[in-house]
Amino acid sequence: MQSLLMKIMISSFLLVGWSLPAWALDGDAQRGEAAAAVCSACHQADGSGQNIPDGESWPRLAGMNADYLYKQVKDFQAGTRVNASMQPFAQMLTDQQLRDVAVYYSQLPVTPAAGGETASEEDLAWGEKLATRGDWERYIVPCSSCHGPGNQGAGQHFPGIAGQHAGYLAQQLRAWQNGDRDNDPQHLMAAIAERMNERDIQAVSAWLAQQPAN
């Protein structure tokens, strides 16, 4: 019964969320390229980010949804999302610069993800199950329920996670799990992440990193 109720809750939320019109983010990519200089130390000039084993990884921004990028940095500025490294850089950007930077990164070609190369076939198969079908016995919703078909993203609230660095994905799942991050609609991610163990996190992060991103 709880599994059915969760399915209904997620489905209802997504039907509402996906029916909302997409933001028409007002930004200029040419201006954004200049303003993005403050981002390049961690996210690289091409927006590829960094996958650092056993360290802090930085997400790929290239090809990500502009509305999502804008919202996340606004959350950093407001303090509703916290990261000691990101906070000072987020404060350097005006609202229009942030719009320009988000549009700039969204128009860059997607770069390859890293991480998960040493994952076993068994772990990759488990990661695929969690990402595409979930584990309803533990009330773990499949990633694609919110992140869209192929986990390519669904608007400003649900980023594309296919083709994202494994280290960053695992890092964020632990942040949701530990309560260090809580800036998603309806607190869905925390409810899912708290049911995941470390094997789940490593497996799904490795599998998603090896999937193509649009």
Protein backbone atom coordinates (compact mmCIF):
# COMPACT_ATOMS: atom_id res chain seq x y z
CA MET A 1 0.00 0.00 0.00
CA GLN A 2 2.79 2.46 0.86
CA SER A 3 4.50 1.65 -2.44
CA LEU A 4 1.27 2.38 -4.34
CA LEU A 5 0.73 5.64 -2.45
CA MET A 6 4.26 6.78 -3.22
CA LYS A 7 3.79 5.98 -6.90
CA ILE A 8 0.58 8.01 -6.95
CA MET A 9 2.23 10.91 -5.11
CA ILE A 10 5.22 11.02 -7.48
CA SER A 11 3.06 10.64 -10.57
CA SER A 12 0.69 13.41 -9.47
CA PHE A 13 3.55 15.76 -8.68
CA LEU A 14 5.20 15.13 -12.04
CA LEU A 15 2.00 15.60 -13.99
CA VAL A 16 1.66 19.02 -12.41
CA GLY A 17 5.34 19.88 -12.60
CA TRP A 18 5.85 18.83 -16.21
CA SER A 19 2.72 20.71 -17.31
CA LEU A 20 4.10 24.05 -16.13
CA PRO A 21 5.51 26.27 -18.89
CA ALA A 22 9.31 26.39 -19.09
CA TRP A 23 10.97 29.59 -17.96
CA ALA A 24 12.03 31.91 -20.75
CA LEU A 25 15.36 32.80 -19.20
CA ASP A 26 16.53 36.19 -20.42
CA GLY A 27 20.26 35.86 -20.93
CA ASP A 28 22.97 36.60 -23.45
CA ALA A 29 25.51 33.85 -24.10
CA GLN A 30 28.20 36.23 -25.36
CA ARG A 31 28.07 38.30 -22.18
CA GLY A 32 27.84 35.04 -20.23
CA GLU A 33 31.13 33.79 -21.64
CA ALA A 34 32.94 36.77 -20.13
CA ALA A 35 31.13 36.55 -16.79
CA ALA A 36 31.81 32.80 -16.57
CA ALA A 37 35.51 33.48 -15.98
CA VAL A 38 34.82 33.24 -12.23
CA CYS A 39 33.44 29.71 -12.75
CA SER A 40 36.24 28.26 -14.85
CA ALA A 41 38.65 27.38 -12.02
CA CYS A 42 36.36 24.56 -10.90
CA HIS A 43 33.96 24.01 -13.81
CA GLN A 44 36.62 24.52 -16.53
CA ALA A 45 36.44 26.86 -19.51
CA ASP A 46 34.45 24.29 -21.50
CA GLY A 47 32.03 23.62 -18.62
CA SER A 48 33.26 20.04 -18.23
CA GLY A 49 33.70 20.18 -14.44
CA GLN A 50 35.99 17.82 -12.57
CA ASN A 51 35.66 14.30 -11.21
CA ILE A 52 38.11 14.01 -8.31
CA PRO A 53 38.28 10.54 -6.69
CA ASP A 54 38.09 10.79 -2.90
CA GLY A 55 37.77 14.58 -3.14
CA GLU A 56 35.26 17.29 -3.98
CA SER A 57 33.98 16.87 -7.53
CA TRP A 58 32.49 19.65 -9.63
CA PRO A 59 29.56 19.07 -11.98
CA ARG A 60 29.54 19.39 -15.73
CA LEU A 61 27.62 22.55 -16.60
CA ALA A 62 27.97 22.31 -20.37
CA GLY A 63 24.65 21.48 -21.99
CA MET A 64 22.68 21.71 -18.73
CA ASN A 65 19.26 23.35 -18.58
CA ALA A 66 19.71 27.14 -18.19
CA ASP A 67 16.73 27.50 -15.86
CA TYR A 68 18.12 24.82 -13.55
CA LEU A 69 21.58 26.42 -13.47
CA TYR A 70 20.06 29.81 -12.71
CA LYS A 71 17.93 28.43 -9.88
CA GLN A 72 20.82 26.60 -8.23
CA VAL A 73 23.08 29.64 -8.08
CA LYS A 74 20.17 31.76 -6.82
CA ASP A 75 19.79 29.16 -4.07
CA PHE A 76 23.50 29.48 -3.24
CA GLN A 77 23.10 33.25 -3.09
CA ALA A 78 20.07 32.94 -0.81
CA GLY A 79 21.69 30.32 1.42
CA THR A 80 19.03 27.69 0.72
CA ARG A 81 21.77 25.58 -0.86
CA VAL A 82 25.14 25.63 0.89
CA ASN A 83 28.65 24.84 -0.30
CA ALA A 84 31.70 26.54 1.16
CA SER A 85 33.52 26.66 -2.17
CA MET A 86 30.56 27.85 -4.24
CA GLN A 87 29.19 30.49 -1.88
CA PRO A 88 31.75 33.28 -2.49
CA PHE A 89 31.72 32.80 -6.27
CA ALA A 90 27.93 32.84 -6.41
CA GLN A 91 27.89 36.20 -4.64
CA MET A 92 30.14 37.71 -7.33
CA LEU A 93 27.42 37.54 -9.99
CA THR A 94 24.60 40.02 -10.45
CA ASP A 95 21.21 38.62 -11.41
CA GLN A 96 21.69 39.51 -15.06
CA GLN A 97 25.21 38.08 -15.12
CA LEU A 98 23.83 34.87 -13.66
CA ARG A 99 21.20 34.70 -16.38
CA ASP A 100 23.88 35.28 -19.02
CA VAL A 101 26.18 32.62 -17.55
CA ALA A 102 23.35 30.06 -17.32
CA VAL A 103 22.42 30.60 -20.98
CA TYR A 104 26.10 30.44 -22.00
CA TYR A 105 26.72 27.09 -20.32
CA SER A 106 23.45 25.65 -21.59
CA GLN A 107 24.59 26.28 -25.17
CA LEU A 108 28.00 24.61 -24.81
CA PRO A 109 28.41 21.09 -26.22
CA VAL A 110 28.11 18.30 -23.67
CA THR A 111 31.45 16.92 -22.49
CA PRO A 112 32.12 13.31 -21.37
CA ALA A 113 31.56 12.29 -17.76
CA ALA A 114 34.15 10.54 -15.63
CA GLY A 115 33.99 8.05 -12.78
CA GLY A 116 32.64 4.55 -12.38
CA GLU A 117 35.09 3.03 -14.86
CA THR A 118 36.13 0.35 -12.38
CA ALA A 119 32.59 -0.57 -11.32
CA SER A 120 31.75 -4.25 -11.71
CA GLU A 121 29.11 -5.48 -14.15
CA GLU A 122 27.02 -6.50 -11.17
CA ASP A 123 27.16 -3.03 -9.65
CA LEU A 124 26.39 -1.37 -12.99
CA ALA A 125 23.37 -3.64 -13.42
CA TRP A 126 22.20 -2.68 -9.93
CA GLY A 127 22.73 0.99 -10.73
CA GLU A 128 20.69 0.65 -13.91
CA LYS A 129 17.84 -0.94 -11.96
CA LEU A 130 17.77 1.87 -9.43
CA ALA A 131 17.96 4.55 -12.13
CA THR A 132 15.32 3.10 -14.44
CA ARG A 133 13.05 0.87 -12.32
CA GLY A 134 13.83 1.74 -8.71
CA ASP A 135 13.54 -0.57 -5.75
CA TRP A 136 9.93 -0.33 -4.64
CA GLU A 137 10.41 -2.85 -1.83
CA ARG A 138 12.47 -0.13 -0.13
CA TYR A 139 10.38 2.73 -1.57
CA ILE A 140 13.27 3.94 -3.73
CA VAL A 141 11.75 5.69 -6.73
CA PRO A 142 13.55 5.30 -10.09
CA CYS A 143 15.60 8.37 -10.98
CA SER A 144 13.81 8.69 -14.30
CA SER A 145 10.49 9.27 -12.51
CA CYS A 146 11.61 12.83 -11.79
CA HIS A 147 14.63 13.38 -14.02
CA GLY A 148 12.74 12.49 -17.18
CA PRO A 149 13.12 9.90 -19.93
CA GLY A 150 16.70 8.68 -20.12
CA ASN A 151 17.42 10.84 -17.04
CA GLN A 152 18.01 13.74 -19.44
CA GLY A 153 16.33 16.29 -17.17
CA ALA A 154 12.90 17.85 -16.72
CA GLY A 155 12.96 21.62 -16.44
CA GLN A 156 14.28 23.91 -13.74
CA HIS A 157 13.77 21.51 -10.82
CA PHE A 158 15.11 18.22 -12.17
CA PRO A 159 18.53 18.32 -13.86
CA GLY A 160 19.84 15.91 -16.42
CA ILE A 161 21.90 13.39 -14.47
CA ALA A 162 22.82 11.03 -17.30
CA GLY A 163 26.40 11.76 -18.32
CA GLN A 164 27.19 13.64 -15.11
CA HIS A 165 30.38 12.89 -13.16
CA ALA A 166 30.00 9.91 -10.84
CA GLY A 167 31.87 11.63 -8.02
CA TYR A 168 29.54 14.61 -8.10
CA LEU A 169 26.38 12.47 -8.22
CA ALA A 170 27.54 10.40 -5.23
CA GLN A 171 28.53 13.55 -3.38
CA GLN A 172 25.07 15.07 -3.85
CA LEU A 173 23.22 11.89 -2.87
CA ARG A 174 25.16 11.85 0.39
CA ALA A 175 24.36 15.53 0.91
CA TRP A 176 20.63 14.84 0.49
CA GLN A 177 20.97 11.81 2.75
CA ASN A 178 22.75 13.72 5.52
CA GLY A 179 20.49 16.74 5.37
CA ASP A 180 23.27 18.97 4.02
CA ARG A 181 21.18 19.74 0.95
CA ASP A 182 17.43 20.33 0.88
CA ASN A 183 16.49 22.70 -1.94
CA ASP A 184 14.27 20.52 -4.10
CA PRO A 185 10.48 20.69 -4.48
CA GLN A 186 8.52 18.70 -1.91
CA HIS A 187 11.77 17.34 -0.35
CA LEU A 188 11.59 14.34 -2.66
CA MET A 189 15.33 13.77 -2.94
CA ALA A 190 15.89 13.58 0.81
CA ALA A 191 13.09 11.03 1.15
CA ILE A 192 14.68 8.85 -1.52
CA ALA A 193 18.35 9.31 -0.56
CA GLU A 194 17.77 8.41 3.07
CA ARG A 195 16.68 4.93 1.95
CA MET A 196 19.86 4.34 -0.05
CA ASN A 197 22.96 2.61 1.24
CA GLU A 198 26.52 3.27 0.07
CA ARG A 199 26.41 0.47 -2.50
CA ASP A 200 23.25 1.99 -3.99
CA ILE A 201 24.90 5.41 -4.20
CA GLN A 202 28.08 4.12 -5.82
CA ALA A 203 26.25 1.86 -8.26
CA VAL A 204 23.70 4.37 -9.53
CA SER A 205 26.31 7.13 -9.78
CA ALA A 206 28.65 4.89 -11.80
CA TRP A 207 25.89 3.76 -14.16
CA LEU A 208 24.53 7.27 -14.76
CA ALA A 209 28.03 8.62 -15.45
CA GLN A 210 28.39 6.13 -18.28
CA GLN A 211 25.12 7.06 -19.98
CA PRO A 212 24.95 9.55 -22.86
CA ALA A 213 23.70 13.06 -22.16
CA ASN A 214 21.83 15.09 -24.74
